[in-house]
Amino acid sequence: MPDHAAPHIVTELPGPRAQQLIALDQQYTSPSYTRDYPLVAERGEGAEIVDVDGNRFLDFTAGIAVCSTGHCHPEVVAVIVEQAQRLLHMSGTDFYYRPQAELARKLAELAPCGARNRVFFTNSGTESVEAAIKLARRHTSRSQFVAFRGAFHGRTLGSLSLTGSKAVQRRGFAPLLPGVTHIDYPNCRSCPQAGATAGCCLRGLDDLERAFSQTLPPEEVAAIICEPIQGEGGYLVPPPEFFVRLSEIARRHGILLIADEVQSGMGRTGKMFACEHFGFEPDIVTTAKGIASGLPLGAMIARHEIMDWPPGSHASTFGGNPVSCVAALKTIELLESGLMENAARQGTWLIETLRRRAASLPAIVDVRGIGLMIGVELAEPATGRPAPELRSRVVQAAFRRGLLLLGCGVSTIRLCPPLVIDQRQAETAVELLCQALEEASHE
C-alpha cells in the first residue's frame, strides 16, 4: 500500500508528459492565468495529487481552498453521479427542484446573519460578491462602498472595484465601479509602533470615521465589505475588537455589513464561517470555494428583510445547479460530522509546531491563522524586510520535494490543505516546508 502521507517524485519536474501538456496550454490558453510551478494534475485522492507522469504530491493548496472534503471524496462523488443520472440542469431561476431548495434551507440556517435568512445562488465567489453589491445598493438606495486594502473579492468589474490586493489585477481595466473607498485592514505585524497592541491597528477605522466627517457622507454608503480573515492579503487575523468597532460604526450610520467568506468559510477555520470566531454578525455573507468540494457553486446569503428585491431583478442560469447542490449538501454533512473538528485540531497542531520550529528558522517572522487557514510570513533575516523572492524560492523548493504550496500577501506562505488531512500528513508538510526554507535561504 502506498504511504499517502509521503510524496513520491519519480521524474524531473516537469516530467515529459507534463512538458507536452504545458506546451499545448501555452499555445492555446489565455496568458492571464498565473501558474507558480509546472504541476499538471491527473488525479486526486484526499490530500494527494498525482501528475500526468506519476509523481505524487501532498496538496496543501486544496485547489486554492476549494476541495474542502479532499479530492474526489467517495461520498461526494457518489451523490454527484447519482444526481447526474437523474437531472443535470433546469435553471433554478425559472424552475424549482429539490436540491436547490434543500441547500438554500441549510445555508440559511447556518449563516451567521441572524435567525431568518434567504439565499441567492451563483457559480463563483466573484459572482456572489457582485450579487451582494447589487442587493446592498437596491436595499439601501445608496451607491458608495467601503472595502479594505489587501482584500480580494474577485476579478469581475464590480468585485474588482472592491479588490485591493495587487495592482496587476486592476491595471488596464479602468474605469471601475465608482464610489469605492479603501481603508487599512488590521495588521499588527506591520504596525509602526514598537510593542504595539492590537488596538493600535484599527487605524483604518479611525481613517473611515475621519472620512465620514470630511469627504465621504456616511448616509451615501450602502455597505462595508470585509473578509473576516483576509486571504490574498496575507492570511491576516484581526483582533476581536475590530469587529466590535466595525459593527458599531456601521449600525450607527445604517450601513450594511458584508462578510466575504469565500475563502474563509465552509469549515476551513474549524467553524462553518469564520465570523463565528469573533461573534461577528454581518447583514450579508458571500461564500463559494469550499462549498461543493470542487464543483462550481457560490451563494450570497442575507437577512430576509434585506433580500427584498423583486422577481427579475437578479438571476443566474447555472447558479444552484442540481449537481453542485447535492455536492454541497454532502459537503456540509461531512463538515458537520467531523471534518470541521479535524480542521480545528490539525490547524492548532500545525500553528503550534511551526511556531516552535520558527525559533531555529530566522526567516519565519510570524505564524498565524485559525484552523486550516494558516499563514507563514517570511522576512529577510538580516533586515527584517518582507522577502517575496525568498517566499517564491520556498514554494518552488517545496514543489520539487512534492509539497504543493501557494503564497499570499507580500511574503507569506499559505497553508490551506483539504480538511481531511491526518497527523502524518501534517507532520510531513512541516518537515518538507522547513527543508524547503533551509534550501531557499542558502540559494
Protein backbone atom coordinates (compact mmCIF):
# COMPACT_ATOMS: atom_id res chain seq x y z
CA MET A 1 0.00 0.00 0.00
CA PRO A 2 1.39 3.45 -0.82
CA ASP A 3 2.18 5.85 2.00
CA HIS A 4 -0.33 8.64 1.34
CA ALA A 5 1.48 10.93 3.79
CA ALA A 6 4.68 10.86 1.74
CA PRO A 7 5.12 12.45 -1.68
CA HIS A 8 6.90 10.36 -4.29
CA ILE A 9 8.70 12.08 -7.17
CA VAL A 10 9.73 9.73 -9.99
CA THR A 11 10.76 12.17 -12.78
CA GLU A 12 12.36 15.51 -13.17
CA LEU A 13 9.79 18.27 -12.76
CA PRO A 14 8.08 18.84 -15.05
CA GLY A 15 8.15 15.33 -16.46
CA PRO A 16 7.97 14.57 -20.19
CA ARG A 17 4.18 14.27 -20.38
CA ALA A 18 3.76 17.40 -18.29
CA GLN A 19 6.06 19.29 -20.63
CA GLN A 20 3.92 18.33 -23.61
CA LEU A 21 0.69 19.49 -21.96
CA ILE A 22 2.27 22.72 -20.73
CA ALA A 23 3.38 23.48 -24.29
CA LEU A 24 -0.16 22.83 -25.53
CA ASP A 25 -1.61 25.05 -22.81
CA GLN A 26 0.80 27.87 -23.57
CA GLN A 27 -0.21 27.77 -27.22
CA TYR A 28 -3.98 27.99 -26.69
CA THR A 29 -4.81 29.20 -23.18
CA SER A 30 -5.14 32.80 -22.00
CA PRO A 31 -1.82 34.25 -20.81
CA SER A 32 -3.68 35.94 -17.94
CA TYR A 33 -3.55 32.75 -15.86
CA THR A 34 -0.87 32.54 -13.16
CA ARG A 35 0.97 29.28 -12.59
CA ASP A 36 3.58 29.29 -9.82
CA TYR A 37 5.10 25.96 -10.82
CA PRO A 38 4.63 23.37 -13.57
CA LEU A 39 2.15 20.99 -11.96
CA VAL A 40 -0.04 19.11 -14.46
CA ALA A 41 -2.61 17.30 -12.31
CA GLU A 42 -4.04 13.99 -13.49
CA ARG A 43 -5.98 12.67 -10.50
CA GLY A 44 -6.51 13.32 -6.81
CA GLU A 45 -7.50 11.48 -3.67
CA GLY A 46 -7.85 13.08 -0.25
CA ALA A 47 -4.85 15.39 0.18
CA GLU A 48 -2.90 13.73 -2.62
CA ILE A 49 -2.41 14.83 -6.23
CA VAL A 50 -0.80 12.65 -8.90
CA ASP A 51 0.50 14.33 -12.03
CA VAL A 52 0.50 13.02 -15.60
CA ASP A 53 3.96 11.48 -15.13
CA GLY A 54 3.04 9.58 -11.97
CA ASN A 55 4.61 11.97 -9.47
CA ARG A 56 2.67 12.04 -6.20
CA PHE A 57 2.30 15.31 -4.25
CA LEU A 58 0.96 16.26 -0.84
CA ASP A 59 -1.51 19.04 -1.59
CA PHE A 60 -1.60 21.90 0.89
CA THR A 61 -3.49 24.16 -1.53
CA ALA A 62 -6.77 22.21 -1.96
CA GLY A 63 -7.18 23.87 -5.35
CA ILE A 64 -6.99 27.28 -3.63
CA ALA A 65 -9.05 26.30 -0.57
CA VAL A 66 -11.75 24.66 -2.69
CA CYS A 67 -11.56 20.89 -2.15
CA SER A 68 -12.63 21.05 1.48
CA THR A 69 -13.50 17.36 1.79
CA GLY A 70 -10.39 16.36 -0.14
CA HIS A 71 -10.00 15.42 -3.77
CA CYS A 72 -12.75 13.11 -5.04
CA HIS A 73 -14.24 12.23 -1.67
CA PRO A 74 -16.11 8.97 -2.41
CA GLU A 75 -19.34 10.09 -0.72
CA VAL A 76 -19.35 13.38 -2.66
CA VAL A 77 -18.58 11.59 -5.91
CA ALA A 78 -21.41 9.12 -5.27
CA VAL A 79 -24.08 11.81 -4.89
CA ILE A 80 -22.71 13.65 -7.93
CA VAL A 81 -23.02 10.51 -10.07
CA GLU A 82 -26.49 9.73 -8.77
CA GLN A 83 -27.75 13.26 -9.42
CA ALA A 84 -26.08 13.42 -12.85
CA GLN A 85 -28.04 10.34 -13.86
CA ARG A 86 -31.29 11.97 -12.72
CA LEU A 87 -31.14 15.68 -13.65
CA LEU A 88 -28.21 17.79 -14.82
CA HIS A 89 -29.87 21.17 -15.27
CA MET A 90 -33.18 23.02 -15.28
CA SER A 91 -32.12 26.55 -14.16
CA GLY A 92 -33.25 27.37 -10.66
CA THR A 93 -34.09 30.94 -11.61
CA ASP A 94 -37.02 29.76 -13.72
CA PHE A 95 -37.98 26.40 -12.23
CA TYR A 96 -37.91 24.51 -8.95
CA TYR A 97 -36.01 21.37 -7.93
CA ARG A 98 -35.33 19.67 -4.62
CA PRO A 99 -31.52 20.05 -4.23
CA GLN A 100 -31.61 23.83 -4.59
CA ALA A 101 -34.44 24.31 -2.11
CA GLU A 102 -32.85 21.96 0.43
CA LEU A 103 -29.44 23.61 0.14
CA ALA A 104 -30.99 27.07 0.47
CA ARG A 105 -32.66 25.99 3.71
CA LYS A 106 -29.41 24.55 5.05
CA LEU A 107 -27.31 27.60 4.23
CA ALA A 108 -29.97 29.96 5.59
CA GLU A 109 -29.91 28.06 8.88
CA LEU A 110 -26.09 28.03 9.08
CA ALA A 111 -25.29 31.59 8.07
CA PRO A 112 -24.24 33.98 10.87
CA CYS A 113 -26.58 36.75 9.65
CA GLY A 114 -29.37 36.06 12.13
CA ALA A 115 -32.35 33.80 12.59
CA ARG A 116 -34.09 34.33 9.23
CA ASN A 117 -32.07 34.38 6.03
CA ARG A 118 -32.52 33.89 2.30
CA VAL A 119 -30.08 32.61 -0.33
CA PHE A 120 -29.15 33.62 -3.88
CA PHE A 121 -27.07 31.02 -5.75
CA THR A 122 -24.13 31.80 -8.02
CA ASN A 123 -21.32 29.94 -9.77
CA SER A 124 -18.33 31.51 -8.02
CA GLY A 125 -17.07 33.85 -5.35
CA THR A 126 -16.87 36.89 -7.59
CA GLU A 127 -20.50 36.36 -8.67
CA SER A 128 -21.52 36.14 -5.02
CA VAL A 129 -19.85 39.49 -4.36
CA GLU A 130 -21.47 41.03 -7.44
CA ALA A 131 -24.86 39.89 -6.14
CA ALA A 132 -24.08 41.42 -2.74
CA ILE A 133 -23.15 44.73 -4.38
CA LYS A 134 -26.43 44.85 -6.28
CA LEU A 135 -28.54 43.84 -3.29
CA ALA A 136 -26.87 46.38 -0.99
CA ARG A 137 -27.41 49.19 -3.47
CA ARG A 138 -31.01 48.28 -4.11
CA HIS A 139 -31.98 47.77 -0.47
CA THR A 140 -30.33 50.96 0.82
CA SER A 141 -30.79 53.22 -2.23
CA ARG A 142 -27.16 54.22 -1.61
CA SER A 143 -24.24 53.98 -4.04
CA GLN A 144 -20.97 54.07 -2.07
CA PHE A 145 -18.92 51.16 -0.67
CA VAL A 146 -16.04 50.78 1.75
CA ALA A 147 -13.50 47.98 1.34
CA PHE A 148 -10.08 47.18 2.75
CA ARG A 149 -6.58 47.39 1.33
CA GLY A 150 -5.19 43.92 0.75
CA ALA A 151 -8.66 42.48 0.16
CA PHE A 152 -9.51 40.14 -2.67
CA HIS A 153 -13.18 39.98 -3.67
CA GLY A 154 -12.91 38.82 -7.27
CA ARG A 155 -11.97 39.96 -10.75
CA THR A 156 -15.25 40.84 -12.48
CA LEU A 157 -15.63 44.61 -12.71
CA GLY A 158 -17.81 45.19 -9.67
CA SER A 159 -15.92 42.89 -7.34
CA LEU A 160 -12.61 44.07 -8.82
CA SER A 161 -13.54 47.58 -7.76
CA LEU A 162 -13.62 46.33 -4.16
CA THR A 163 -10.44 44.27 -4.50
CA GLY A 164 -7.33 45.94 -3.11
CA SER A 165 -4.82 43.11 -3.32
CA LYS A 166 -2.48 43.67 -6.28
CA ALA A 167 -2.17 46.45 -8.83
CA VAL A 168 -1.82 43.94 -11.69
CA GLN A 169 -5.38 42.79 -11.04
CA ARG A 170 -6.72 46.30 -11.71
CA ARG A 171 -4.21 47.65 -14.23
CA GLY A 172 -5.73 48.46 -17.61
CA PHE A 173 -9.37 47.91 -16.62
CA ALA A 174 -10.45 51.41 -15.60
CA PRO A 175 -12.92 52.91 -15.15
CA LEU A 176 -14.11 50.58 -12.43
CA LEU A 177 -17.21 50.90 -10.25
CA PRO A 178 -17.19 54.46 -8.87
CA GLY A 179 -17.66 55.28 -5.22
CA VAL A 180 -15.36 52.76 -3.51
CA THR A 181 -13.18 53.86 -0.59
CA HIS A 182 -10.35 51.61 0.63
CA ILE A 183 -9.05 51.69 4.19
CA ASP A 184 -6.37 49.74 6.11
CA TYR A 185 -7.10 46.25 7.35
CA PRO A 186 -5.81 45.42 10.86
CA ASN A 187 -2.28 44.01 10.78
CA CYS A 188 -0.25 44.26 13.95
CA ARG A 189 2.76 42.75 12.17
CA SER A 190 3.13 45.93 10.09
CA CYS A 191 2.29 48.41 12.84
CA PRO A 192 4.96 51.12 13.11
CA GLN A 193 4.64 51.38 16.88
CA ALA A 194 7.13 49.27 18.81
CA GLY A 195 5.40 46.95 21.23
CA ALA A 196 2.07 47.85 19.68
CA THR A 197 -1.14 46.29 20.92
CA ALA A 198 -3.95 45.09 18.73
CA GLY A 199 -5.95 48.25 19.33
CA CYS A 200 -3.43 50.45 17.58
CA CYS A 201 -4.01 48.54 14.36
CA LEU A 202 -7.54 49.85 13.99
CA ARG A 203 -6.26 53.00 12.32
CA GLY A 204 -8.23 52.08 9.19
CA LEU A 205 -11.43 52.57 11.15
CA ASP A 206 -10.05 55.85 12.51
CA ASP A 207 -9.49 56.95 8.92
CA LEU A 208 -13.01 55.87 7.99
CA GLU A 209 -14.60 57.94 10.73
CA ARG A 210 -12.44 60.89 9.69
CA ALA A 211 -13.60 60.42 6.08
CA PHE A 212 -17.22 60.37 7.26
CA SER A 213 -16.73 63.81 8.75
CA GLN A 214 -14.74 65.27 5.85
CA THR A 215 -15.10 63.60 2.44
CA LEU A 216 -17.46 60.61 2.50
CA PRO A 217 -21.05 61.25 3.62
CA PRO A 218 -21.95 58.11 5.59
CA GLU A 219 -25.59 58.34 4.54
CA GLU A 220 -24.40 57.60 0.97
CA VAL A 221 -22.56 54.38 1.92
CA ALA A 222 -24.50 51.22 1.10
CA ALA A 223 -22.14 48.70 2.67
CA ILE A 224 -18.75 47.91 4.14
CA ILE A 225 -17.32 44.65 2.82
CA CYS A 226 -14.77 42.77 4.89
CA GLU A 227 -13.05 39.38 4.92
CA PRO A 228 -13.23 38.04 8.50
CA ILE A 229 -9.74 36.66 7.88
CA GLN A 230 -8.02 38.37 5.00
CA GLY A 231 -6.99 35.84 2.36
CA GLU A 232 -4.89 37.12 -0.54
CA GLY A 233 -3.74 39.97 1.67
CA GLY A 234 -1.67 37.58 3.78
CA TYR A 235 -3.97 35.37 5.88
CA LEU A 236 -4.33 38.18 8.40
CA VAL A 237 -6.37 37.54 11.55
CA PRO A 238 -7.80 40.77 13.01
CA PRO A 239 -8.27 41.33 16.74
CA PRO A 240 -11.82 40.76 18.08
CA GLU A 241 -12.21 44.45 18.92
CA PHE A 242 -12.02 45.21 15.20
CA PHE A 243 -15.40 43.60 14.61
CA VAL A 244 -16.94 45.26 17.66
CA ARG A 245 -15.99 48.70 16.44
CA LEU A 246 -16.72 47.97 12.77
CA SER A 247 -20.22 46.83 13.69
CA GLU A 248 -20.79 49.88 15.89
CA ILE A 249 -19.79 52.25 13.09
CA ALA A 250 -21.99 50.51 10.53
CA ARG A 251 -25.04 50.35 12.79
CA ARG A 252 -24.69 53.98 13.78
CA HIS A 253 -24.89 55.08 10.13
CA GLY A 254 -27.32 52.48 8.79
CA ILE A 255 -24.61 50.87 6.66
CA LEU A 256 -24.84 47.19 5.74
CA LEU A 257 -22.00 44.81 6.63
CA ILE A 258 -20.94 42.23 4.04
CA ALA A 259 -18.72 39.37 5.19
CA ASP A 260 -16.75 37.87 2.31
CA GLU A 261 -16.36 34.25 3.43
CA VAL A 262 -15.44 32.92 0.00
CA GLN A 263 -12.07 31.65 1.23
CA SER A 264 -12.55 31.55 5.00
CA GLY A 265 -15.96 29.89 5.09
CA MET A 266 -17.30 26.34 4.84
CA GLY A 267 -15.42 24.84 7.77
CA ARG A 268 -11.89 25.93 6.89
CA THR A 269 -11.32 27.62 10.25
CA GLY A 270 -12.93 24.88 12.32
CA LYS A 271 -16.31 26.60 12.27
CA MET A 272 -18.70 26.79 9.34
CA PHE A 273 -18.00 30.53 8.94
CA ALA A 274 -15.01 32.47 10.26
CA CYS A 275 -17.37 35.19 11.54
CA GLU A 276 -18.35 32.80 14.32
CA HIS A 277 -14.91 33.03 15.94
CA PHE A 278 -15.45 36.73 16.57
CA GLY A 279 -19.15 36.94 17.33
CA PHE A 280 -19.46 38.99 14.14
CA GLU A 281 -23.00 39.11 12.68
CA PRO A 282 -23.00 40.65 9.19
CA ASP A 283 -26.07 41.51 7.16
CA ILE A 284 -24.86 39.66 4.06
CA VAL A 285 -22.44 36.74 3.64
CA THR A 286 -20.80 35.65 0.41
CA THR A 287 -19.41 32.14 0.02
CA ALA A 288 -18.08 29.80 -2.68
CA LYS A 289 -14.79 27.83 -2.94
CA GLY A 290 -15.19 25.02 -0.38
CA ILE A 291 -18.98 24.85 -0.55
CA ALA A 292 -19.22 21.98 -3.09
CA SER A 293 -15.90 20.14 -2.77
CA GLY A 294 -14.64 21.19 -6.19
CA LEU A 295 -17.78 21.82 -8.23
CA PRO A 296 -18.60 25.41 -9.25
CA LEU A 297 -21.06 26.91 -6.79
CA GLY A 298 -21.39 30.07 -4.74
CA ALA A 299 -24.03 31.75 -2.64
CA MET A 300 -24.98 35.16 -1.33
CA ILE A 301 -26.90 34.90 1.93
CA ALA A 302 -28.71 37.83 3.51
CA ARG A 303 -31.15 38.59 6.27
CA HIS A 304 -34.67 38.15 4.95
CA GLU A 305 -35.65 41.80 5.32
CA ILE A 306 -32.62 42.84 3.24
CA MET A 307 -33.17 40.38 0.39
CA ASP A 308 -36.23 42.31 -0.72
CA TRP A 309 -35.58 42.62 -4.45
CA PRO A 310 -38.46 41.63 -6.77
CA PRO A 311 -38.56 38.81 -9.36
CA GLY A 312 -36.34 39.56 -12.35
CA SER A 313 -34.02 41.96 -10.54
CA HIS A 314 -31.17 39.43 -10.48
CA ALA A 315 -30.71 35.88 -11.76
CA SER A 316 -28.20 33.21 -12.77
CA THR A 317 -28.73 30.48 -15.34
CA PHE A 318 -26.37 27.97 -13.76
CA GLY A 319 -26.19 29.17 -10.16
CA GLY A 320 -27.60 26.47 -7.89
CA ASN A 321 -27.14 23.73 -10.48
CA PRO A 322 -28.66 20.49 -9.08
CA VAL A 323 -25.39 18.53 -9.33
CA SER A 324 -23.45 21.22 -7.49
CA CYS A 325 -26.21 21.50 -4.89
CA VAL A 326 -26.14 17.82 -3.96
CA ALA A 327 -22.36 18.00 -3.73
CA ALA A 328 -22.74 20.95 -1.36
CA LEU A 329 -25.30 19.18 0.81
CA LYS A 330 -22.98 16.19 1.17
CA THR A 331 -20.03 18.52 1.82
CA ILE A 332 -21.87 20.23 4.67
CA GLU A 333 -22.87 16.85 6.10
CA LEU A 334 -19.22 15.76 6.12
CA LEU A 335 -18.07 19.05 7.63
CA GLU A 336 -20.59 18.74 10.45
CA SER A 337 -19.81 15.08 11.09
CA GLY A 338 -16.13 15.57 11.86
CA LEU A 339 -14.16 17.49 9.26
CA MET A 340 -14.54 20.88 10.96
CA GLU A 341 -13.33 19.33 14.20
CA ASN A 342 -10.38 17.83 12.33
CA ALA A 343 -9.59 21.22 10.78
CA ALA A 344 -9.50 22.82 14.21
CA ARG A 345 -7.34 20.05 15.68
CA GLN A 346 -4.83 19.78 12.83
CA GLY A 347 -4.70 23.56 12.45
CA THR A 348 -3.84 24.04 16.11
CA TRP A 349 -1.08 21.43 15.84
CA LEU A 350 0.36 22.99 12.68
CA ILE A 351 0.38 26.52 14.10
CA GLU A 352 1.96 25.48 17.41
CA THR A 353 4.55 23.27 15.71
CA LEU A 354 5.54 25.86 13.13
CA ARG A 355 5.89 28.50 15.83
CA ARG A 356 8.28 26.21 17.71
CA ARG A 357 10.26 25.44 14.57
CA ALA A 358 10.45 29.14 13.76
CA ALA A 359 12.89 29.56 16.67
CA SER A 360 15.57 27.87 14.52
CA LEU A 361 14.40 29.38 11.22
CA PRO A 362 15.07 33.13 11.40
CA ALA A 363 13.31 33.82 8.10
CA ILE A 364 9.94 32.98 9.71
CA VAL A 365 8.71 36.10 11.49
CA ASP A 366 5.09 35.12 12.08
CA VAL A 367 2.83 32.07 12.02
CA ARG A 368 -0.85 32.97 12.23
CA GLY A 369 -4.26 31.65 11.37
CA ILE A 370 -7.27 29.74 12.62
CA GLY A 371 -7.98 26.12 11.75
CA LEU A 372 -6.54 25.16 8.37
CA MET A 373 -6.21 28.73 7.17
CA ILE A 374 -2.59 29.37 8.16
CA GLY A 375 -0.07 31.99 7.05
CA VAL A 376 3.69 31.64 7.50
CA GLU A 377 5.22 35.08 6.99
CA LEU A 378 8.83 35.37 5.85
CA ALA A 379 11.30 38.22 6.08
CA GLU A 380 14.97 38.76 5.27
CA PRO A 381 16.77 37.73 8.49
CA ALA A 382 19.37 40.48 8.17
CA THR A 383 16.95 43.37 7.66
CA GLY A 384 13.51 42.16 8.77
CA ARG A 385 12.10 43.39 5.46
CA PRO A 386 9.49 41.39 3.51
CA ALA A 387 11.04 38.68 1.38
CA PRO A 388 8.85 37.94 -1.66
CA GLU A 389 11.75 36.41 -3.61
CA LEU A 390 12.56 34.09 -0.71
CA ARG A 391 8.89 33.12 -0.48
CA SER A 392 8.87 32.22 -4.17
CA ARG A 393 12.02 30.12 -3.79
CA VAL A 394 10.47 28.27 -0.85
CA VAL A 395 7.32 27.46 -2.84
CA GLN A 396 9.46 26.16 -5.72
CA ALA A 397 11.70 24.11 -3.41
CA ALA A 398 8.65 22.60 -1.73
CA PHE A 399 7.22 21.65 -5.14
CA ARG A 400 10.44 19.82 -6.02
CA ARG A 401 10.04 17.87 -2.77
CA GLY A 402 6.43 17.01 -3.55
CA LEU A 403 4.61 19.55 -1.35
CA LEU A 404 2.16 21.91 -3.04
CA LEU A 405 2.01 25.40 -1.52
CA LEU A 406 0.84 28.88 -2.54
CA GLY A 407 1.79 32.37 -1.50
CA CYS A 408 -0.35 35.27 -0.35
CA GLY A 409 0.32 38.81 0.78
CA VAL A 410 3.77 40.26 0.14
CA SER A 411 5.86 37.40 1.53
CA THR A 412 3.57 34.91 3.24
CA ILE A 413 3.15 31.20 2.51
CA ARG A 414 -0.41 29.99 2.93
CA LEU A 415 -1.36 26.55 4.16
CA CYS A 416 -4.92 25.69 3.13
CA PRO A 417 -5.00 21.90 2.76
CA PRO A 418 -8.09 19.75 2.43
CA LEU A 419 -9.83 19.42 5.78
CA VAL A 420 -9.28 15.65 5.68
CA ILE A 421 -5.52 15.78 6.39
CA ASP A 422 -4.30 13.47 9.13
CA GLN A 423 -1.47 13.78 11.63
CA ARG A 424 1.13 12.09 9.44
CA GLN A 425 0.35 14.39 6.54
CA ALA A 426 0.59 17.43 8.80
CA GLU A 427 3.97 16.23 10.11
CA THR A 428 5.21 15.56 6.57
CA ALA A 429 4.16 19.03 5.43
CA VAL A 430 6.04 20.71 8.29
CA GLU A 431 9.22 18.75 7.56
CA LEU A 432 9.10 19.46 3.84
CA LEU A 433 8.32 23.14 4.38
CA CYS A 434 11.24 23.52 6.78
CA GLN A 435 13.56 21.69 4.38
CA ALA A 436 12.43 23.93 1.52
CA LEU A 437 13.03 27.03 3.64
CA GLU A 438 16.53 25.85 4.58
CA GLU A 439 17.36 25.25 0.93
CA ALA A 440 15.86 28.52 -0.30
CA SER A 441 17.64 30.53 2.40
CA HIS A 442 21.01 29.36 1.09
CA GLU A 443 20.36 29.95 -2.61
